[in-house]
PDB file of all heavy atoms in Angstrom:
ATOM      1  N   ARG A   1    -100.047 -85.200-116.226  1.00  0.00           N
ATOM      2  CA  ARG A   1     -99.914 -84.190-115.167  1.00  0.00           C
ATOM      3  C   ARG A   1    -101.259 -83.957-114.489  1.00  0.00           C
ATOM      4  O   ARG A   1    -101.335 -83.878-113.252  1.00  0.00           O
ATOM      5  CB  ARG A   1     -99.379 -82.886-115.754  1.00  0.00           C
ATOM      6  CG  ARG A   1     -99.267 -81.756-114.733  1.00  0.00           C
ATOM      7  CD  ARG A   1     -98.757 -80.484-115.399  1.00  0.00           C
ATOM      8  NE  ARG A   1     -98.855 -79.346-114.505  1.00  0.00           N
ATOM      9  CZ  ARG A   1     -97.924 -79.011-113.627  1.00  0.00           C
ATOM     10  NH1 ARG A   1     -96.818 -79.733-113.529  1.00  0.00           N
ATOM     11  NH2 ARG A   1     -98.077 -77.959-112.845  1.00  0.00           N
ATOM     12  N   LEU A   2    -102.334 -83.857-115.285  1.00  0.00           N
ATOM     13  CA  LEU A   2    -103.667 -83.666-114.717  1.00  0.00           C
ATOM     14  C   LEU A   2    -104.052 -84.857-113.853  1.00  0.00           C
ATOM     15  O   LEU A   2    -104.564 -84.687-112.734  1.00  0.00           O
ATOM     16  CB  LEU A   2    -104.698 -83.475-115.833  1.00  0.00           C
ATOM     17  CG  LEU A   2    -106.172 -83.479-115.401  1.00  0.00           C
ATOM     18  CD1 LEU A   2    -106.449 -82.352-114.411  1.00  0.00           C
ATOM     19  CD2 LEU A   2    -107.084 -83.381-116.617  1.00  0.00           C
ATOM     20  N   LEU A   3    -103.813 -86.056-114.344  1.00  0.00           N
ATOM     21  CA  LEU A   3    -104.176 -87.254-113.585  1.00  0.00           C
ATOM     22  C   LEU A   3    -103.388 -87.331-112.280  1.00  0.00           C
ATOM     23  O   LEU A   3    -103.943 -87.721-111.239  1.00  0.00           O
ATOM     24  CB  LEU A   3    -103.928 -88.503-114.434  1.00  0.00           C
ATOM     25  CG  LEU A   3    -104.706 -88.574-115.760  1.00  0.00           C
ATOM     26  CD1 LEU A   3    -104.354 -89.857-116.500  1.00  0.00           C
ATOM     27  CD2 LEU A   3    -106.203 -88.493-115.512  1.00  0.00           C
ATOM     28  N   ARG A   4    -102.127 -86.942-112.335  1.00  0.00           N
ATOM     29  CA  ARG A   4    -101.309 -86.949-111.120  1.00  0.00           C
ATOM     30  C   ARG A   4    -101.799 -85.887-110.131  1.00  0.00           C
ATOM     31  O   ARG A   4    -101.830 -86.117-108.914  1.00  0.00           O
ATOM     32  CB  ARG A   4     -99.845 -86.709-111.471  1.00  0.00           C
ATOM     33  CG  ARG A   4     -98.907 -86.834-110.272  1.00  0.00           C
ATOM     34  CD  ARG A   4     -97.451 -86.828-110.701  1.00  0.00           C
ATOM     35  NE  ARG A   4     -97.068 -85.584-111.369  1.00  0.00           N
ATOM     36  CZ  ARG A   4     -96.850 -85.480-112.680  1.00  0.00           C
ATOM     37  NH1 ARG A   4     -96.963 -86.540-113.468  1.00  0.00           N
ATOM     38  NH2 ARG A   4     -96.509 -84.333-113.218  1.00  0.00           N
ATOM     39  N   CYS A   5    -102.200 -84.726-110.658  1.00  0.00           N
ATOM     40  CA  CYS A   5    -102.715 -83.665-109.791  1.00  0.00           C
ATOM     41  C   CYS A   5    -103.995 -84.105-109.084  1.00  0.00           C
ATOM     42  O   CYS A   5    -104.197 -83.819-107.897  1.00  0.00           O
ATOM     43  CB  CYS A   5    -102.990 -82.401-110.609  1.00  0.00           C
ATOM     44  SG  CYS A   5    -101.511 -81.474-111.085  1.00  0.00           S
ATOM     45  N   LEU A   6    -104.867 -84.792-109.804  1.00  0.00           N
ATOM     46  CA  LEU A   6    -106.118 -85.271-109.203  1.00  0.00           C
ATOM     47  C   LEU A   6    -105.836 -86.334-108.148  1.00  0.00           C
ATOM     48  O   LEU A   6    -106.468 -86.351-107.083  1.00  0.00           O
ATOM     49  CB  LEU A   6    -107.039 -85.817-110.291  1.00  0.00           C
ATOM     50  CG  LEU A   6    -107.685 -84.770-111.196  1.00  0.00           C
ATOM     51  CD1 LEU A   6    -108.263 -85.419-112.452  1.00  0.00           C
ATOM     52  CD2 LEU A   6    -108.779 -84.001-110.452  1.00  0.00           C
ATOM     53  N   GLU A   7    -104.884 -87.204-108.443  1.00  0.00           N
ATOM     54  CA  GLU A   7    -104.520 -88.234-107.464  1.00  0.00           C
ATOM     55  C   GLU A   7    -103.922 -87.593-106.214  1.00  0.00           C
ATOM     56  O   GLU A   7    -104.262 -87.960-105.080  1.00  0.00           O
ATOM     57  CB  GLU A   7    -103.525 -89.212-108.082  1.00  0.00           C
ATOM     58  CG  GLU A   7    -103.130 -90.348-107.151  1.00  0.00           C
ATOM     59  CD  GLU A   7    -102.205 -91.352-107.818  1.00  0.00           C
ATOM     60  OE1 GLU A   7    -101.694 -91.062-108.920  1.00  0.00           O
ATOM     61  OE2 GLU A   7    -101.986 -92.435-107.237  1.00  0.00           O
ATOM     62  N   ASP A   8    -103.041 -86.615-106.419  1.00  0.00           N
ATOM     63  CA  ASP A   8    -102.434 -85.921-105.287  1.00  0.00           C
ATOM     64  C   ASP A   8    -103.484 -85.187-104.465  1.00  0.00           C
ATOM     65  O   ASP A   8    -103.426 -85.170-103.227  1.00  0.00           O
ATOM     66  CB  ASP A   8    -101.379 -84.924-105.774  1.00  0.00           C
ATOM     67  CG  ASP A   8    -100.131 -85.600-106.312  1.00  0.00           C
ATOM     68  OD1 ASP A   8     -99.955 -86.813-106.064  1.00  0.00           O
ATOM     69  OD2 ASP A   8     -99.329 -84.914-106.989  1.00  0.00           O
ATOM     70  N   ALA A   9    -104.452 -84.555-105.144  1.00  0.00           N
ATOM     71  CA  ALA A   9    -105.490 -83.804-104.434  1.00  0.00           C
ATOM     72  C   ALA A   9    -106.298 -84.717-103.522  1.00  0.00           C
ATOM     73  O   ALA A   9    -106.650 -84.340-102.395  1.00  0.00           O
ATOM     74  CB  ALA A   9    -106.406 -83.103-105.438  1.00  0.00           C
ATOM     75  N   ALA A  10    -106.603 -85.919-103.994  1.00  0.00           N
ATOM     76  CA  ALA A  10    -107.352 -86.869-103.165  1.00  0.00           C
ATOM     77  C   ALA A  10    -106.544 -87.249-101.924  1.00  0.00           C
ATOM     78  O   ALA A  10    -107.085 -87.284-100.807  1.00  0.00           O
ATOM     79  CB  ALA A  10    -107.701 -88.116-103.983  1.00  0.00           C
ATOM     80  N   LEU A  11    -105.255 -87.510-102.112  1.00  0.00           N
ATOM     81  CA  LEU A  11    -104.397 -87.859-100.974  1.00  0.00           C
ATOM     82  C   LEU A  11    -104.270 -86.696-100.002  1.00  0.00           C
ATOM     83  O   LEU A  11    -104.287 -86.875 -98.777  1.00  0.00           O
ATOM     84  CB  LEU A  11    -103.018 -88.279-101.479  1.00  0.00           C
ATOM     85  CG  LEU A  11    -102.950 -89.572-102.306  1.00  0.00           C
ATOM     86  CD1 LEU A  11    -101.557 -89.755-102.897  1.00  0.00           C
ATOM     87  CD2 LEU A  11    -103.332 -90.774-101.449  1.00  0.00           C
ATOM     88  N   GLN A  12    -104.162 -85.493-100.536  1.00  0.00           N
ATOM     89  CA  GLN A  12    -103.978 -84.316 -99.685  1.00  0.00           C
ATOM     90  C   GLN A  12    -105.251 -83.970 -98.921  1.00  0.00           C
ATOM     91  O   GLN A  12    -105.189 -83.559 -97.760  1.00  0.00           O
ATOM     92  CB  GLN A  12    -103.506 -83.145-100.549  1.00  0.00           C
ATOM     93  CG  GLN A  12    -102.090 -83.337-101.060  1.00  0.00           C
ATOM     94  CD  GLN A  12    -101.760 -82.477-102.260  1.00  0.00           C
ATOM     95  OE1 GLN A  12    -102.637 -81.848-102.846  1.00  0.00           O
ATOM     96  NE2 GLN A  12    -100.485 -82.453-102.641  1.00  0.00           N
ATOM     97  N   ALA A  13    -106.397 -84.137 -99.569  1.00  0.00           N
ATOM     98  CA  ALA A  13    -107.655 -83.900 -98.856  1.00  0.00           C
ATOM     99  C   ALA A  13    -107.804 -84.888 -97.707  1.00  0.00           C
ATOM    100  O   ALA A  13    -108.256 -84.528 -96.608  1.00  0.00           O
ATOM    101  CB  ALA A  13    -108.836 -84.030 -99.829  1.00  0.00           C
ATOM    102  N   ARG A  14    -107.402 -86.126 -97.950  1.00  0.00           N
ATOM    103  CA  ARG A  14    -107.469 -87.139 -96.889  1.00  0.00           C
ATOM    104  C   ARG A  14    -106.517 -86.789 -95.741  1.00  0.00           C
ATOM    105  O   ARG A  14    -106.873 -86.912 -94.558  1.00  0.00           O
ATOM    106  CB  ARG A  14    -107.131 -88.506 -97.482  1.00  0.00           C
ATOM    107  CG  ARG A  14    -107.403 -89.686 -96.556  1.00  0.00           C
ATOM    108  CD  ARG A  14    -107.208 -91.012 -97.277  1.00  0.00           C
ATOM    109  NE  ARG A  14    -108.285 -91.271 -98.228  1.00  0.00           N
ATOM    110  CZ  ARG A  14    -108.126 -91.322 -99.549  1.00  0.00           C
ATOM    111  NH1 ARG A  14    -106.924 -91.115-100.089  1.00  0.00           N
ATOM    112  NH2 ARG A  14    -109.144 -91.582-100.342  1.00  0.00           N
ATOM    113  N   ALA A  15    -105.324 -86.311 -96.084  1.00  0.00           N
ATOM    114  CA  ALA A  15    -104.342 -85.952 -95.055  1.00  0.00           C
ATOM    115  C   ALA A  15    -104.810 -84.745 -94.240  1.00  0.00           C
ATOM    116  O   ALA A  15    -104.693 -84.725 -93.012  1.00  0.00           O
ATOM    117  CB  ALA A  15    -102.987 -85.658 -95.705  1.00  0.00           C
ATOM    118  N   LEU A  16    -105.363 -83.742 -94.919  1.00  0.00           N
ATOM    119  CA  LEU A  16    -105.850 -82.565 -94.204  1.00  0.00           C
ATOM    120  C   LEU A  16    -107.034 -82.928 -93.326  1.00  0.00           C
ATOM    121  O   LEU A  16    -107.144 -82.453 -92.183  1.00  0.00           O
ATOM    122  CB  LEU A  16    -106.243 -81.468 -95.200  1.00  0.00           C
ATOM    123  CG  LEU A  16    -106.784 -80.168 -94.598  1.00  0.00           C
ATOM    124  CD1 LEU A  16    -105.774 -79.541 -93.644  1.00  0.00           C
ATOM    125  CD2 LEU A  16    -107.166 -79.178 -95.707  1.00  0.00           C
ATOM    126  N   GLY A  17    -107.909 -83.793 -93.830  1.00  0.00           N
ATOM    127  CA  GLY A  17    -109.050 -84.226 -93.026  1.00  0.00           C
ATOM    128  C   GLY A  17    -108.616 -84.965 -91.769  1.00  0.00           C
ATOM    129  O   GLY A  17    -109.174 -84.747 -90.686  1.00  0.00           O
ATOM    130  N   ALA A  18    -107.603 -85.820 -91.902  1.00  0.00           N
ATOM    131  CA  ALA A  18    -107.110 -86.566 -90.740  1.00  0.00           C
ATOM    132  C   ALA A  18    -106.486 -85.616 -89.721  1.00  0.00           C
ATOM    133  O   ALA A  18    -106.684 -85.768 -88.508  1.00  0.00           O
ATOM    134  CB  ALA A  18    -106.091 -87.612 -91.189  1.00  0.00           C
ATOM    135  N   ALA A  19    -105.725 -84.631 -90.207  1.00  0.00           N
ATOM    136  CA  ALA A  19    -105.114 -83.658 -89.304  1.00  0.00           C
ATOM    137  C   ALA A  19    -106.181 -82.828 -88.601  1.00  0.00           C
ATOM    138  O   ALA A  19    -106.068 -82.541 -87.402  1.00  0.00           O
ATOM    139  CB  ALA A  19    -104.158 -82.753 -90.087  1.00  0.00           C
ATOM    140  N   LEU A  20    -107.222 -82.459 -89.333  1.00  0.00           N
ATOM    141  CA  LEU A  20    -108.306 -81.674 -88.732  1.00  0.00           C
ATOM    142  C   LEU A  20    -109.058 -82.498 -87.697  1.00  0.00           C
ATOM    143  O   LEU A  20    -109.447 -81.978 -86.634  1.00  0.00           O
ATOM    144  CB  LEU A  20    -109.253 -81.185 -89.824  1.00  0.00           C
ATOM    145  CG  LEU A  20    -110.408 -80.284 -89.378  1.00  0.00           C
ATOM    146  CD1 LEU A  20    -109.910 -79.086 -88.587  1.00  0.00           C
ATOM    147  CD2 LEU A  20    -111.215 -79.827 -90.592  1.00  0.00           C
ATOM    148  N   ASP A  21    -109.264 -83.776 -87.960  1.00  0.00           N
ATOM    149  CA  ASP A  21    -109.907 -84.651 -86.974  1.00  0.00           C
ATOM    150  C   ASP A  21    -109.087 -84.707 -85.686  1.00  0.00           C
ATOM    151  O   ASP A  21    -109.651 -84.737 -84.583  1.00  0.00           O
ATOM    152  CB  ASP A  21    -110.068 -86.063 -87.542  1.00  0.00           C
ATOM    153  CG  ASP A  21    -111.259 -86.184 -88.495  1.00  0.00           C
ATOM    154  OD1 ASP A  21    -112.172 -85.342 -88.407  1.00  0.00           O
ATOM    155  OD2 ASP A  21    -111.266 -87.124 -89.314  1.00  0.00           O
ATOM    156  N   THR A  22    -107.758 -84.728 -85.825  1.00  0.00           N
ATOM    157  CA  THR A  22    -106.891 -84.742 -84.645  1.00  0.00           C
ATOM    158  C   THR A  22    -107.054 -83.461 -83.840  1.00  0.00           C
ATOM    159  O   THR A  22    -107.123 -83.487 -82.600  1.00  0.00           O
ATOM    160  CB  THR A  22    -105.418 -84.910 -85.070  1.00  0.00           C
ATOM    161  OG1 THR A  22    -105.269 -86.155 -85.766  1.00  0.00           O
ATOM    162  CG2 THR A  22    -104.496 -84.904 -83.860  1.00  0.00           C
ATOM    163  N   VAL A  23    -107.131 -82.330 -84.526  1.00  0.00           N
ATOM    164  CA  VAL A  23    -107.335 -81.046 -83.846  1.00  0.00           C
ATOM    165  C   VAL A  23    -108.679 -81.033 -83.137  1.00  0.00           C
ATOM    166  O   VAL A  23    -108.791 -80.621 -81.972  1.00  0.00           O
ATOM    167  CB  VAL A  23    -107.233 -79.885 -84.849  1.00  0.00           C
ATOM    168  CG1 VAL A  23    -107.696 -78.572 -84.209  1.00  0.00           C
ATOM    169  CG2 VAL A  23    -105.806 -79.736 -85.372  1.00  0.00           C
ATOM    170  N   LEU A  24    -109.729 -81.486 -83.817  1.00  0.00           N
ATOM    171  CA  LEU A  24    -111.063 -81.504 -83.210  1.00  0.00           C
ATOM    172  C   LEU A  24    -111.083 -82.376 -81.960  1.00  0.00           C
ATOM    173  O   LEU A  24    -111.693 -82.010 -80.946  1.00  0.00           O
ATOM    174  CB  LEU A  24    -112.085 -82.001 -84.230  1.00  0.00           C
ATOM    175  CG  LEU A  24    -112.544 -80.984 -85.276  1.00  0.00           C
ATOM    176  CD1 LEU A  24    -113.303 -81.681 -86.408  1.00  0.00           C
ATOM    177  CD2 LEU A  24    -113.427 -79.914 -84.645  1.00  0.00           C
ATOM    178  N   ALA A  25    -110.438 -83.532 -82.046  1.00  0.00           N
ATOM    179  CA  ALA A  25    -110.408 -84.430 -80.886  1.00  0.00           C
ATOM    180  C   ALA A  25    -109.664 -83.776 -79.722  1.00  0.00           C
ATOM    181  O   ALA A  25    -110.091 -83.860 -78.565  1.00  0.00           O
ATOM    182  CB  ALA A  25    -109.749 -85.754 -81.264  1.00  0.00           C
ATOM    183  N   ALA A  26    -108.555 -83.091 -80.019  1.00  0.00           N
ATOM    184  CA  ALA A  26    -107.783 -82.439 -78.969  1.00  0.00           C
ATOM    185  C   ALA A  26    -108.559 -81.294 -78.323  1.00  0.00           C
ATOM    186  O   ALA A  26    -108.396 -81.009 -77.134  1.00  0.00           O
ATOM    187  CB  ALA A  26    -106.463 -81.929 -79.537  1.00  0.00           C
ATOM    188  N   LEU A  27    -109.418 -80.651 -79.120  1.00  0.00           N
ATOM    189  CA  LEU A  27    -110.244 -79.562 -78.600  1.00  0.00           C
ATOM    190  C   LEU A  27    -111.468 -80.074 -77.855  1.00  0.00           C
ATOM    191  O   LEU A  27    -112.207 -79.292 -77.261  1.00  0.00           O
ATOM    192  CB  LEU A  27    -110.702 -78.653 -79.745  1.00  0.00           C
ATOM    193  CG  LEU A  27    -109.640 -77.790 -80.427  1.00  0.00           C
ATOM    194  CD1 LEU A  27    -110.222 -77.123 -81.664  1.00  0.00           C
ATOM    195  CD2 LEU A  27    -109.090 -76.757 -79.470  1.00  0.00           C
ATOM    196  N   GLY A  28    -111.709 -81.383 -77.925  1.00  0.00           N
ATOM    197  CA  GLY A  28    -112.924 -81.931 -77.338  1.00  0.00           C
ATOM    198  C   GLY A  28    -114.146 -81.569 -78.136  1.00  0.00           C
ATOM    199  O   GLY A  28    -115.269 -81.527 -77.616  1.00  0.00           O
ATOM    200  N   ALA A  29    -113.965 -81.306 -79.453  1.00  0.00           N
ATOM    201  CA  ALA A  29    -115.059 -80.847 -80.304  1.00  0.00           C
ATOM    202  C   ALA A  29    -115.394 -81.835 -81.409  1.00  0.00           C
ATOM    203  O   ALA A  29    -116.120 -81.496 -82.342  1.00  0.00           O
ATOM    204  CB  ALA A  29    -114.706 -79.490 -80.920  1.00  0.00           C
ATOM    205  N   ALA A  30    -114.866 -83.059 -81.335  1.00  0.00           N
ATOM    206  CA  ALA A  30    -115.151 -84.056 -82.362  1.00  0.00           C
ATOM    207  C   ALA A  30    -116.632 -84.411 -82.349  1.00  0.00           C
ATOM    208  O   ALA A  30    -117.288 -84.385 -81.305  1.00  0.00           O
ATOM    209  CB  ALA A  30    -114.301 -85.301 -82.142  1.00  0.00           C
ATOM    210  N   ALA A  31    -117.160 -84.735 -83.517  1.00  0.00           N
ATOM    211  CA  ALA A  31    -118.557 -85.142 -83.606  1.00  0.00           C
ATOM    212  C   ALA A  31    -118.761 -86.426 -82.804  1.00  0.00           C
ATOM    213  O   ALA A  31    -117.909 -87.316 -82.826  1.00  0.00           O
ATOM    214  CB  ALA A  31    -118.951 -85.364 -85.067  1.00  0.00           C
ATOM    215  N   PRO A  32    -119.883 -86.547 -82.084  1.00  0.00           N
ATOM    216  CA  PRO A  32    -120.124 -87.766 -81.311  1.00  0.00           C
ATOM    217  C   PRO A  32    -120.338 -88.965 -82.225  1.00  0.00           C
ATOM    218  O   PRO A  32    -121.089 -88.890 -83.192  1.00  0.00           O
ATOM    219  CB  PRO A  32    -121.406 -87.432 -80.529  1.00  0.00           C
ATOM    220  CG  PRO A  32    -122.069 -86.357 -81.331  1.00  0.00           C
ATOM    221  CD  PRO A  32    -120.961 -85.566 -81.954  1.00  0.00           C
ATOM    222  N   GLY A  33    -119.662 -90.061 -81.923  1.00  0.00           N
ATOM    223  CA  GLY A  33    -119.806 -91.276 -82.720  1.00  0.00           C
ATOM    224  C   GLY A  33    -119.061 -91.168 -84.034  1.00  0.00           C
ATOM    225  O   GLY A  33    -118.625 -90.102 -84.445  1.00  0.00           O
ATOM    226  N   PRO A  34    -118.902 -92.300 -84.743  1.00  0.00           N
ATOM    227  CA  PRO A  34    -118.187 -92.285 -86.021  1.00  0.00           C
ATOM    228  C   PRO A  34    -118.982 -91.534 -87.078  1.00  0.00           C
ATOM    229  O   PRO A  34    -120.209 -91.575 -87.118  1.00  0.00           O
ATOM    230  CB  PRO A  34    -118.054 -93.775 -86.372  1.00  0.00           C
ATOM    231  CG  PRO A  34    -119.195 -94.435 -85.649  1.00  0.00           C
ATOM    232  CD  PRO A  34    -119.381 -93.646 -84.375  1.00  0.00           C
ATOM    233  N   ARG A  35    -118.260 -90.820 -87.952  1.00  0.00           N
ATOM    234  CA  ARG A  35    -118.902 -90.105 -89.045  1.00  0.00           C
ATOM    235  C   ARG A  35    -119.326 -91.113 -90.102  1.00  0.00           C
ATOM    236  O   ARG A  35    -118.550 -91.994 -90.463  1.00  0.00           O
ATOM    237  CB  ARG A  35    -117.919 -89.091 -89.633  1.00  0.00           C
ATOM    238  CG  ARG A  35    -118.537 -88.095 -90.602  1.00  0.00           C
ATOM    239  CD  ARG A  35    -117.465 -87.140 -91.134  1.00  0.00           C
ATOM    240  NE  ARG A  35    -116.862 -86.360 -90.073  1.00  0.00           N
ATOM    241  CZ  ARG A  35    -115.552 -86.303 -89.850  1.00  0.00           C
ATOM    242  NH1 ARG A  35    -114.719 -87.001 -90.582  1.00  0.00           N
ATOM    243  NH2 ARG A  35    -115.075 -85.561 -88.877  1.00  0.00           N
ATOM    244  N   PRO A  36    -120.562 -91.049 -90.621  1.00  0.00           N
ATOM    245  CA  PRO A  36    -120.980 -92.010 -91.636  1.00  0.00           C
ATOM    246  C   PRO A  36    -120.122 -91.887 -92.879  1.00  0.00           C
ATOM    247  O   PRO A  36    -119.781 -90.767 -93.286  1.00  0.00           O
ATOM    248  CB  PRO A  36    -122.437 -91.608 -91.926  1.00  0.00           C
ATOM    249  CG  PRO A  36    -122.552 -90.194 -91.464  1.00  0.00           C
ATOM    250  CD  PRO A  36    -121.620 -90.071 -90.304  1.00  0.00           C
ATOM    251  N   PRO A  37    -119.739 -93.009 -93.493  1.00  0.00           N
ATOM    252  CA  PRO A  37    -118.891 -92.937 -94.676  1.00  0.00           C
ATOM    253  C   PRO A  37    -119.654 -92.332 -95.846  1.00  0.00           C
ATOM    254  O   PRO A  37    -120.886 -92.419 -95.917  1.00  0.00           O
ATOM    255  CB  PRO A  37    -118.551 -94.414 -94.951  1.00  0.00           C
ATOM    256  CG  PRO A  37    -119.687 -95.175 -94.347  1.00  0.00           C
ATOM    257  CD  PRO A  37    -120.107 -94.392 -93.142  1.00  0.00           C
TER     258      PRO A  37
END
C-alpha cells in the first residue's frame, strides 16, 4: 500500500504540474524558455 501510494503521488505530482503549466501558458505567465530538468 505504501509503495503504491508513493507511485501514485509521483504520477499525481506530474499531472498537477502539467495542468499548472497549461494554466501558466494560457495566462501568458509561463517561464521563458524550457525549464531545466
